[in-house]
Amino acid sequence: MVPILYVMSEIDSANELFLKKKFEDAIKIYDMILQEEPNNLVALNNKGYALSKLKKFEDAIAVSYTHLRAHETPEHLVWRVLR
């Protein structure tokens, strides 16, 4: 597992790039974080948002779906079965 301070520093770097509208560069950093922590909520969320800014909507939806699956609770699973 990667130390939390390192991950937050990397997320901060990616977020700065995002705010400068350097979405491709931000995505590269989010991807690096996700290689170490595939279920990192912040990296998944922000990567999806950056992809949507690039109008890569299908990719953004795929990342969002990954995010939802990674953070499903038992209550979500029951709801999906009952529907």
C-alpha atoms as a PDB file:
ATOM      1  CA  MET A   1       0.000   0.000   0.000  1.00  0.00           C
ATOM      2  CA  VAL A   2       1.221   3.491  -0.858  1.00  0.00           C
ATOM      3  CA  PRO A   3       1.555   5.999   2.018  1.00  0.00           C
ATOM      4  CA  ILE A   4      -1.485   8.290   2.250  1.00  0.00           C
ATOM      5  CA  LEU A   5       0.591  11.497   2.216  1.00  0.00           C
ATOM      6  CA  TYR A   6       2.213  10.467  -1.059  1.00  0.00           C
ATOM      7  CA  VAL A   7      -1.151   9.712  -2.654  1.00  0.00           C
ATOM      8  CA  MET A   8      -2.652  12.992  -1.460  1.00  0.00           C
ATOM      9  CA  SER A   9       0.362  14.871  -2.805  1.00  0.00           C
ATOM     10  CA  GLU A  10      -0.097  13.187  -6.180  1.00  0.00           C
ATOM     11  CA  ILE A  11      -3.824  13.933  -6.148  1.00  0.00           C
ATOM     12  CA  ASP A  12      -3.057  17.568  -5.341  1.00  0.00           C
ATOM     13  CA  SER A  13      -0.664  17.683  -8.298  1.00  0.00           C
ATOM     14  CA  ALA A  14      -3.272  16.185 -10.612  1.00  0.00           C
ATOM     15  CA  ASN A  15      -5.927  18.565  -9.318  1.00  0.00           C
ATOM     16  CA  GLU A  16      -3.685  21.544 -10.022  1.00  0.00           C
ATOM     17  CA  LEU A  17      -3.270  20.343 -13.595  1.00  0.00           C
ATOM     18  CA  PHE A  18      -7.025  19.864 -13.833  1.00  0.00           C
ATOM     19  CA  LEU A  19      -7.641  23.439 -12.702  1.00  0.00           C
ATOM     20  CA  LYS A  20      -5.196  24.631 -15.369  1.00  0.00           C
ATOM     21  CA  LYS A  21      -7.306  22.659 -17.891  1.00  0.00           C
ATOM     22  CA  LYS A  22      -4.444  20.225 -18.513  1.00  0.00           C
ATOM     23  CA  PHE A  23      -6.835  17.311 -18.364  1.00  0.00           C
ATOM     24  CA  GLU A  24      -4.666  14.758 -20.211  1.00  0.00           C
ATOM     25  CA  ASP A  25      -1.770  15.388 -17.824  1.00  0.00           C
ATOM     26  CA  ALA A  26      -4.076  15.153 -14.812  1.00  0.00           C
ATOM     27  CA  ILE A  27      -5.479  11.850 -16.088  1.00  0.00           C
ATOM     28  CA  LYS A  28      -1.954  10.418 -16.327  1.00  0.00           C
ATOM     29  CA  ILE A  29      -1.422  11.117 -12.641  1.00  0.00           C
ATOM     30  CA  TYR A  30      -4.844   9.759 -11.665  1.00  0.00           C
ATOM     31  CA  ASP A  31      -3.976   6.602 -13.629  1.00  0.00           C
ATOM     32  CA  MET A  32      -0.667   6.298 -11.782  1.00  0.00           C
ATOM     33  CA  ILE A  33      -2.526   6.508  -8.460  1.00  0.00           C
ATOM     34  CA  LEU A  34      -5.098   3.965  -9.632  1.00  0.00           C
ATOM     35  CA  GLN A  35      -2.358   1.481 -10.534  1.00  0.00           C
ATOM     36  CA  GLU A  36      -1.357   1.491  -6.861  1.00  0.00           C
ATOM     37  CA  GLU A  37      -4.866   1.892  -5.426  1.00  0.00           C
ATOM     38  CA  PRO A  38      -7.492   0.760  -7.951  1.00  0.00           C
ATOM     39  CA  ASN A  39     -10.384   1.748  -5.689  1.00  0.00           C
ATOM     40  CA  ASN A  40      -9.146   5.227  -4.740  1.00  0.00           C
ATOM     41  CA  LEU A  41     -12.386   7.198  -4.606  1.00  0.00           C
ATOM     42  CA  VAL A  42     -10.841  10.615  -5.270  1.00  0.00           C
ATOM     43  CA  ALA A  43      -8.720   9.471  -8.212  1.00  0.00           C
ATOM     44  CA  LEU A  44     -11.642   7.596  -9.801  1.00  0.00           C
ATOM     45  CA  ASN A  45     -14.009  10.519  -9.371  1.00  0.00           C
ATOM     46  CA  ASN A  46     -11.576  13.128 -10.647  1.00  0.00           C
ATOM     47  CA  LYS A  47     -10.441  11.002 -13.581  1.00  0.00           C
ATOM     48  CA  GLY A  48     -14.066  10.595 -14.639  1.00  0.00           C
ATOM     49  CA  TYR A  49     -14.605  14.343 -14.395  1.00  0.00           C
ATOM     50  CA  ALA A  50     -11.435  15.070 -16.414  1.00  0.00           C
ATOM     51  CA  LEU A  51     -12.543  12.614 -19.103  1.00  0.00           C
ATOM     52  CA  SER A  52     -15.918  14.347 -19.316  1.00  0.00           C
ATOM     53  CA  LYS A  53     -14.159  17.696 -19.757  1.00  0.00           C
ATOM     54  CA  LEU A  54     -12.376  16.151 -22.763  1.00  0.00           C
ATOM     55  CA  LYS A  55     -15.787  15.015 -24.037  1.00  0.00           C
ATOM     56  CA  LYS A  56     -14.749  11.378 -23.672  1.00  0.00           C
ATOM     57  CA  PHE A  57     -18.124  10.555 -22.237  1.00  0.00           C
ATOM     58  CA  GLU A  58     -18.063   6.775 -22.708  1.00  0.00           C
ATOM     59  CA  ASP A  59     -14.710   6.579 -20.930  1.00  0.00           C
ATOM     60  CA  ALA A  60     -16.025   8.841 -18.163  1.00  0.00           C
ATOM     61  CA  ILE A  61     -19.054   6.598 -17.709  1.00  0.00           C
ATOM     62  CA  ALA A  62     -16.827   3.510 -17.554  1.00  0.00           C
ATOM     63  CA  VAL A  63     -14.693   5.112 -14.827  1.00  0.00           C
ATOM     64  CA  SER A  64     -17.814   6.168 -12.935  1.00  0.00           C
ATOM     65  CA  TYR A  65     -19.174   2.639 -13.154  1.00  0.00           C
ATOM     66  CA  THR A  66     -15.875   1.305 -11.783  1.00  0.00           C
ATOM     67  CA  HIS A  67     -16.169   3.806  -8.959  1.00  0.00           C
ATOM     68  CA  LEU A  68     -19.693   2.718  -8.125  1.00  0.00           C
ATOM     69  CA  ARG A  69     -18.795  -0.980  -8.200  1.00  0.00           C
ATOM     70  CA  ALA A  70     -15.748  -0.394  -6.000  1.00  0.00           C
ATOM     71  CA  HIS A  71     -17.801   1.352  -3.338  1.00  0.00           C
ATOM     72  CA  GLU A  72     -20.911  -0.771  -3.331  1.00  0.00           C
ATOM     73  CA  THR A  73     -22.263  -1.687   0.046  1.00  0.00           C
ATOM     74  CA  PRO A  74     -24.289  -4.803   0.889  1.00  0.00           C
ATOM     75  CA  GLU A  75     -27.399  -2.593   0.818  1.00  0.00           C
ATOM     76  CA  HIS A  76     -26.669  -1.664  -2.808  1.00  0.00           C
ATOM     77  CA  LEU A  77     -26.315  -5.322  -3.730  1.00  0.00           C
ATOM     78  CA  VAL A  78     -29.676  -6.178  -2.147  1.00  0.00           C
ATOM     79  CA  TRP A  79     -31.342  -3.277  -3.954  1.00  0.00           C
ATOM     80  CA  ARG A  80     -29.939  -4.414  -7.310  1.00  0.00           C
ATOM     81  CA  VAL A  81     -31.169  -7.993  -6.730  1.00  0.00           C
ATOM     82  CA  LEU A  82     -34.647  -6.839  -5.738  1.00  0.00           C
ATOM     83  CA  ARG A  83     -35.119  -4.610  -8.778  1.00  0.00           C
END
